[in-house]
Amino acid sequence: MKKLLLLIFMLCFANMNAQEKSKAQIVEASCGQCQFGMKEKGGCDLAVRIDGKAYFVDGTDINKHGDAHAADGFCSTIRKAEVVGEIKKERFVANSFKLLPVAAKTPDPHAGHKH
């Protein structure tokens, strides 16, 4: 009986620990080569920056989130994304990847005024 309770406790603890690793977080997302200066491979590949370090992404693709070479695309700008996943072998393995909308710029109250 004690072994069974210990096993149940360990499984519950392991499950809580796994959920902690995989909670949603907001990260910077962009082309690893064009915006984050990653040189491990050529071409254009989706990457995220977490705590100042960039990781290529597994589980989604740069082309699944619009035209990477558009003005608001990953090769042209750094965007925000809500992700769930974990870092494995120096790559971010995404269980979920949601690109957040580009924040609207606040109009400059002085634009168009002549002094």
N, C-alpha and C. Protein backbone atom coordinates (compact mmCIF):
# COMPACT_ATOMS: atom_id res chain seq x y z
N MET A 1 0.82 -1.20 0.00
CA MET A 1 0.00 0.00 0.00
C MET A 1 0.86 1.27 0.00
N LYS A 2 1.93 1.24 0.81
CA LYS A 2 2.82 2.40 0.88
C LYS A 2 3.46 2.66 -0.49
N LYS A 3 3.85 1.58 -1.17
CA LYS A 3 4.47 1.74 -2.49
C LYS A 3 3.49 2.35 -3.49
N LEU A 4 2.24 1.95 -3.41
CA LEU A 4 1.22 2.48 -4.30
C LEU A 4 1.00 3.97 -4.04
N LEU A 5 0.92 4.36 -2.78
CA LEU A 5 0.75 5.78 -2.44
C LEU A 5 1.96 6.60 -2.89
N LEU A 6 3.15 6.03 -2.70
CA LEU A 6 4.36 6.72 -3.13
C LEU A 6 4.37 6.90 -4.65
N LEU A 7 3.96 5.85 -5.37
CA LEU A 7 3.89 5.93 -6.82
C LEU A 7 2.89 7.00 -7.28
N ILE A 8 1.73 7.04 -6.66
CA ILE A 8 0.72 8.05 -7.00
C ILE A 8 1.25 9.44 -6.72
N PHE A 9 1.90 9.63 -5.58
CA PHE A 9 2.48 10.92 -5.23
C PHE A 9 3.52 11.35 -6.27
N MET A 10 4.39 10.41 -6.66
CA MET A 10 5.44 10.73 -7.62
C MET A 10 4.84 11.09 -8.98
N LEU A 11 3.82 10.38 -9.40
CA LEU A 11 3.17 10.68 -10.68
C LEU A 11 2.51 12.06 -10.65
N CYS A 12 1.84 12.37 -9.55
CA CYS A 12 1.20 13.69 -9.42
C CYS A 12 2.25 14.79 -9.44
N PHE A 13 3.35 14.60 -8.74
CA PHE A 13 4.42 15.60 -8.69
C PHE A 13 5.03 15.78 -10.07
N ALA A 14 5.28 14.68 -10.77
CA ALA A 14 5.85 14.76 -12.11
C ALA A 14 4.91 15.49 -13.06
N ASN A 15 3.61 15.25 -12.95
CA ASN A 15 2.62 15.92 -13.78
C ASN A 15 2.59 17.41 -13.50
N MET A 16 2.65 17.81 -12.23
CA MET A 16 2.66 19.24 -11.89
C MET A 16 3.92 19.88 -12.43
N ASN A 17 5.04 19.20 -12.33
CA ASN A 17 6.31 19.73 -12.81
C ASN A 17 6.27 19.92 -14.32
N ALA A 18 5.70 18.97 -15.06
CA ALA A 18 5.59 19.06 -16.51
C ALA A 18 4.68 20.22 -16.91
N GLN A 19 3.59 20.42 -16.16
CA GLN A 19 2.69 21.53 -16.47
C GLN A 19 3.38 22.87 -16.25
N GLU A 20 4.23 22.97 -15.23
CA GLU A 20 4.96 24.21 -14.98
C GLU A 20 5.86 24.56 -16.16
N LYS A 21 6.56 23.57 -16.70
CA LYS A 21 7.46 23.80 -17.83
C LYS A 21 6.70 24.26 -19.06
N SER A 22 5.47 23.80 -19.20
CA SER A 22 4.72 24.03 -20.43
C SER A 22 3.65 25.10 -20.29
N LYS A 23 3.81 26.06 -19.41
CA LYS A 23 2.80 27.10 -19.31
C LYS A 23 3.03 28.15 -20.39
N ALA A 24 1.97 28.84 -20.74
CA ALA A 24 2.04 29.85 -21.80
C ALA A 24 2.95 31.00 -21.38
N GLN A 25 3.70 31.50 -22.34
CA GLN A 25 4.55 32.66 -22.11
C GLN A 25 4.60 33.51 -23.37
N ILE A 26 4.85 34.79 -23.19
CA ILE A 26 4.99 35.71 -24.32
C ILE A 26 6.48 35.82 -24.64
N VAL A 27 6.82 35.59 -25.91
CA VAL A 27 8.22 35.63 -26.34
C VAL A 27 8.35 36.50 -27.58
N GLU A 28 9.57 36.84 -27.93
CA GLU A 28 9.85 37.49 -29.20
C GLU A 28 9.98 36.39 -30.24
N ALA A 29 9.38 36.59 -31.40
CA ALA A 29 9.45 35.61 -32.49
C ALA A 29 9.86 36.32 -33.77
N SER A 30 10.71 35.67 -34.54
CA SER A 30 11.17 36.28 -35.78
C SER A 30 11.94 35.24 -36.59
N CYS A 31 12.51 35.70 -37.69
CA CYS A 31 13.42 34.87 -38.47
C CYS A 31 14.74 34.79 -37.71
N GLY A 32 15.18 33.59 -37.43
CA GLY A 32 16.43 33.43 -36.68
C GLY A 32 17.62 34.03 -37.40
N GLN A 33 17.68 33.85 -38.72
CA GLN A 33 18.82 34.35 -39.48
C GLN A 33 18.73 35.85 -39.72
N CYS A 34 17.56 36.34 -40.16
CA CYS A 34 17.41 37.75 -40.55
C CYS A 34 17.38 38.71 -39.36
N GLN A 35 16.77 38.32 -38.27
CA GLN A 35 16.56 39.25 -37.16
C GLN A 35 17.37 38.92 -35.91
N PHE A 36 17.64 37.64 -35.67
CA PHE A 36 18.35 37.25 -34.44
C PHE A 36 19.82 36.93 -34.69
N GLY A 37 20.27 36.99 -35.96
CA GLY A 37 21.68 36.77 -36.27
C GLY A 37 22.16 35.34 -36.06
N MET A 38 21.27 34.38 -36.12
CA MET A 38 21.65 32.98 -35.93
C MET A 38 22.30 32.46 -37.21
N LYS A 39 23.44 31.82 -37.08
CA LYS A 39 24.19 31.40 -38.26
C LYS A 39 24.37 29.89 -38.34
N GLU A 40 23.66 29.13 -37.52
CA GLU A 40 23.82 27.67 -37.50
C GLU A 40 23.41 27.02 -38.81
N LYS A 41 22.49 27.66 -39.54
CA LYS A 41 22.03 27.10 -40.81
C LYS A 41 21.61 28.24 -41.72
N GLY A 42 21.56 27.98 -43.02
CA GLY A 42 21.18 29.00 -43.99
C GLY A 42 19.68 29.06 -44.17
N GLY A 43 19.25 30.05 -44.94
CA GLY A 43 17.82 30.21 -45.22
C GLY A 43 17.13 31.06 -44.18
N CYS A 44 15.82 30.89 -44.10
CA CYS A 44 15.00 31.64 -43.15
C CYS A 44 14.19 30.63 -42.33
N ASP A 45 14.38 30.66 -41.01
CA ASP A 45 13.70 29.72 -40.14
C ASP A 45 13.17 30.44 -38.92
N LEU A 46 12.00 30.01 -38.46
CA LEU A 46 11.36 30.61 -37.30
C LEU A 46 12.19 30.37 -36.04
N ALA A 47 12.32 31.41 -35.25
CA ALA A 47 13.03 31.31 -33.97
C ALA A 47 12.29 32.15 -32.94
N VAL A 48 12.52 31.82 -31.69
CA VAL A 48 11.99 32.61 -30.58
C VAL A 48 13.16 33.03 -29.70
N ARG A 49 12.98 34.16 -29.03
CA ARG A 49 14.01 34.62 -28.08
C ARG A 49 13.39 34.59 -26.69
N ILE A 50 14.01 33.81 -25.82
CA ILE A 50 13.55 33.64 -24.44
C ILE A 50 14.69 34.00 -23.52
N ASP A 51 14.44 34.92 -22.62
CA ASP A 51 15.48 35.37 -21.67
C ASP A 51 16.76 35.77 -22.39
N GLY A 52 16.61 36.44 -23.53
CA GLY A 52 17.77 36.96 -24.25
C GLY A 52 18.48 35.96 -25.15
N LYS A 53 18.05 34.71 -25.18
CA LYS A 53 18.69 33.69 -26.02
C LYS A 53 17.72 33.22 -27.09
N ALA A 54 18.22 33.10 -28.33
CA ALA A 54 17.39 32.69 -29.46
C ALA A 54 17.48 31.19 -29.68
N TYR A 55 16.33 30.60 -30.04
CA TYR A 55 16.22 29.17 -30.31
C TYR A 55 15.41 28.97 -31.58
N PHE A 56 15.87 28.09 -32.47
CA PHE A 56 15.04 27.69 -33.59
C PHE A 56 13.85 26.91 -33.04
N VAL A 57 12.73 26.95 -33.79
CA VAL A 57 11.47 26.36 -33.31
C VAL A 57 11.14 25.08 -34.07
N ASP A 58 10.75 24.07 -33.31
CA ASP A 58 10.17 22.85 -33.87
C ASP A 58 8.70 22.86 -33.50
N GLY A 59 7.85 22.32 -34.36
CA GLY A 59 6.43 22.22 -34.07
C GLY A 59 5.58 23.20 -34.86
N THR A 60 6.20 24.16 -35.51
CA THR A 60 5.53 25.08 -36.43
C THR A 60 6.59 25.58 -37.40
N ASP A 61 6.15 26.31 -38.41
CA ASP A 61 7.04 26.72 -39.49
C ASP A 61 6.89 28.21 -39.75
N ILE A 62 7.93 28.85 -40.23
CA ILE A 62 7.92 30.29 -40.50
C ILE A 62 6.81 30.66 -41.49
N ASN A 63 6.50 29.77 -42.43
CA ASN A 63 5.50 30.07 -43.47
C ASN A 63 4.07 29.84 -43.02
N LYS A 64 3.85 29.31 -41.84
CA LYS A 64 2.49 29.08 -41.34
C LYS A 64 1.90 30.34 -40.69
N HIS A 65 2.65 31.41 -40.67
CA HIS A 65 2.21 32.61 -39.95
C HIS A 65 2.27 33.85 -40.85
N GLY A 66 1.96 33.66 -42.11
CA GLY A 66 1.95 34.77 -43.06
C GLY A 66 3.23 34.82 -43.88
N ASP A 67 3.32 35.83 -44.72
CA ASP A 67 4.48 36.02 -45.60
C ASP A 67 5.65 36.53 -44.78
N ALA A 68 6.67 35.71 -44.64
CA ALA A 68 7.83 36.08 -43.82
C ALA A 68 8.54 37.33 -44.33
N HIS A 69 8.38 37.63 -45.64
CA HIS A 69 9.08 38.78 -46.22
C HIS A 69 8.19 40.01 -46.37
N ALA A 70 6.98 39.97 -45.84
CA ALA A 70 6.10 41.15 -45.84
C ALA A 70 6.64 42.17 -44.83
N ALA A 71 6.11 43.37 -44.87
CA ALA A 71 6.56 44.43 -43.96
C ALA A 71 6.42 44.04 -42.50
N ASP A 72 5.38 43.24 -42.17
CA ASP A 72 5.19 42.81 -40.79
C ASP A 72 5.59 41.34 -40.60
N GLY A 73 6.30 40.77 -41.59
CA GLY A 73 6.71 39.37 -41.54
C GLY A 73 7.95 39.16 -40.69
N PHE A 74 8.23 37.89 -40.41
CA PHE A 74 9.32 37.53 -39.51
C PHE A 74 10.70 37.95 -40.02
N CYS A 75 10.90 38.04 -41.32
CA CYS A 75 12.21 38.44 -41.84
C CYS A 75 12.42 39.95 -41.78
N SER A 76 11.31 40.68 -41.58
CA SER A 76 11.37 42.14 -41.57
C SER A 76 11.28 42.75 -40.19
N THR A 77 10.70 42.02 -39.25
CA THR A 77 10.48 42.60 -37.93
C THR A 77 10.42 41.51 -36.87
N ILE A 78 10.57 41.90 -35.63
CA ILE A 78 10.42 40.98 -34.50
C ILE A 78 9.02 41.15 -33.96
N ARG A 79 8.31 40.05 -33.83
CA ARG A 79 6.93 40.06 -33.35
C ARG A 79 6.85 39.40 -31.98
N LYS A 80 5.70 39.52 -31.35
CA LYS A 80 5.43 38.84 -30.08
C LYS A 80 4.54 37.64 -30.38
N ALA A 81 4.76 36.57 -29.63
CA ALA A 81 3.94 35.37 -29.77
C ALA A 81 3.70 34.77 -28.39
N GLU A 82 2.53 34.16 -28.26
CA GLU A 82 2.23 33.41 -27.04
C GLU A 82 2.51 31.95 -27.36
N VAL A 83 3.42 31.36 -26.60
CA VAL A 83 3.84 29.99 -26.89
C VAL A 83 3.70 29.11 -25.66
N VAL A 84 3.54 27.83 -25.93
CA VAL A 84 3.61 26.80 -24.91
C VAL A 84 4.57 25.76 -25.46
N GLY A 85 5.54 25.37 -24.65
CA GLY A 85 6.51 24.38 -25.09
C GLY A 85 7.69 24.37 -24.16
N GLU A 86 8.76 23.73 -24.61
CA GLU A 86 9.95 23.68 -23.78
C GLU A 86 11.20 23.61 -24.65
N ILE A 87 12.31 23.95 -24.06
CA ILE A 87 13.59 23.91 -24.75
C ILE A 87 14.16 22.51 -24.60
N LYS A 88 14.46 21.89 -25.74
CA LYS A 88 15.07 20.56 -25.77
C LYS A 88 16.22 20.59 -26.76
N LYS A 89 17.40 20.21 -26.31
CA LYS A 89 18.58 20.14 -27.19
C LYS A 89 18.80 21.45 -27.94
N GLU A 90 18.73 22.56 -27.22
CA GLU A 90 18.98 23.90 -27.78
C GLU A 90 18.00 24.30 -28.87
N ARG A 91 16.78 23.72 -28.86
CA ARG A 91 15.70 24.11 -29.76
C ARG A 91 14.45 24.28 -28.92
N PHE A 92 13.54 25.17 -29.37
CA PHE A 92 12.27 25.34 -28.68
C PHE A 92 11.25 24.44 -29.35
N VAL A 93 10.71 23.48 -28.61
CA VAL A 93 9.70 22.55 -29.13
C VAL A 93 8.34 23.12 -28.74
N ALA A 94 7.61 23.62 -29.73
CA ALA A 94 6.34 24.31 -29.48
C ALA A 94 5.18 23.33 -29.48
N ASN A 95 4.42 23.35 -28.41
CA ASN A 95 3.14 22.63 -28.38
C ASN A 95 2.04 23.54 -28.91
N SER A 96 2.24 24.84 -28.73
CA SER A 96 1.29 25.86 -29.18
C SER A 96 2.09 27.11 -29.55
N PHE A 97 1.68 27.77 -30.65
CA PHE A 97 2.35 28.99 -31.10
C PHE A 97 1.28 29.91 -31.67
N LYS A 98 1.04 31.02 -30.98
CA LYS A 98 0.01 31.98 -31.42
C LYS A 98 0.68 33.34 -31.62
N LEU A 99 0.74 33.76 -32.87
CA LEU A 99 1.31 35.06 -33.19
C LEU A 99 0.35 36.15 -32.72
N LEU A 100 0.86 37.10 -31.96
CA LEU A 100 0.02 38.18 -31.44
C LEU A 100 -0.09 39.30 -32.47
N PRO A 101 -1.21 40.03 -32.47
CA PRO A 101 -1.35 41.13 -33.43
C PRO A 101 -0.31 42.22 -33.18
N VAL A 102 0.04 42.90 -34.26
CA VAL A 102 0.96 44.03 -34.15
C VAL A 102 0.26 45.12 -33.37
N ALA A 103 0.93 45.65 -32.38
CA ALA A 103 0.34 46.72 -31.56
C ALA A 103 0.14 47.96 -32.42
N ALA A 104 -1.04 48.55 -32.30
CA ALA A 104 -1.33 49.78 -33.05
C ALA A 104 -0.48 50.90 -32.50
N LYS A 105 0.07 51.69 -33.38
CA LYS A 105 0.88 52.82 -32.95
C LYS A 105 -0.04 53.95 -32.50
N THR A 106 0.33 54.57 -31.40
CA THR A 106 -0.42 55.71 -30.89
C THR A 106 -0.11 56.90 -31.79
N PRO A 107 -1.14 57.57 -32.27
CA PRO A 107 -0.89 58.73 -33.15
C PRO A 107 -0.12 59.82 -32.41
N ASP A 108 0.78 60.44 -33.13
CA ASP A 108 1.55 61.54 -32.57
C ASP A 108 0.65 62.79 -32.54
N PRO A 109 0.37 63.34 -31.35
CA PRO A 109 -0.52 64.49 -31.27
C PRO A 109 0.05 65.73 -31.96
N HIS A 110 1.36 65.73 -32.20
CA HIS A 110 2.00 66.90 -32.82
C HIS A 110 2.19 66.74 -34.32
N ALA A 111 1.85 65.57 -34.87
CA ALA A 111 2.01 65.34 -36.29
C ALA A 111 1.10 66.26 -37.08
N GLY A 112 1.64 66.87 -38.09
CA GLY A 112 0.86 67.72 -38.96
C GLY A 112 0.70 69.16 -38.47
N HIS A 113 1.19 69.46 -37.27
CA HIS A 113 1.10 70.82 -36.74
C HIS A 113 2.33 71.61 -37.14
N LYS A 114 2.12 72.83 -37.60
CA LYS A 114 3.24 73.72 -37.92
C LYS A 114 3.43 74.68 -36.79
N HIS A 115 4.65 74.88 -36.44
CA HIS A 115 4.97 75.83 -35.34
C HIS A 115 5.59 77.07 -35.87
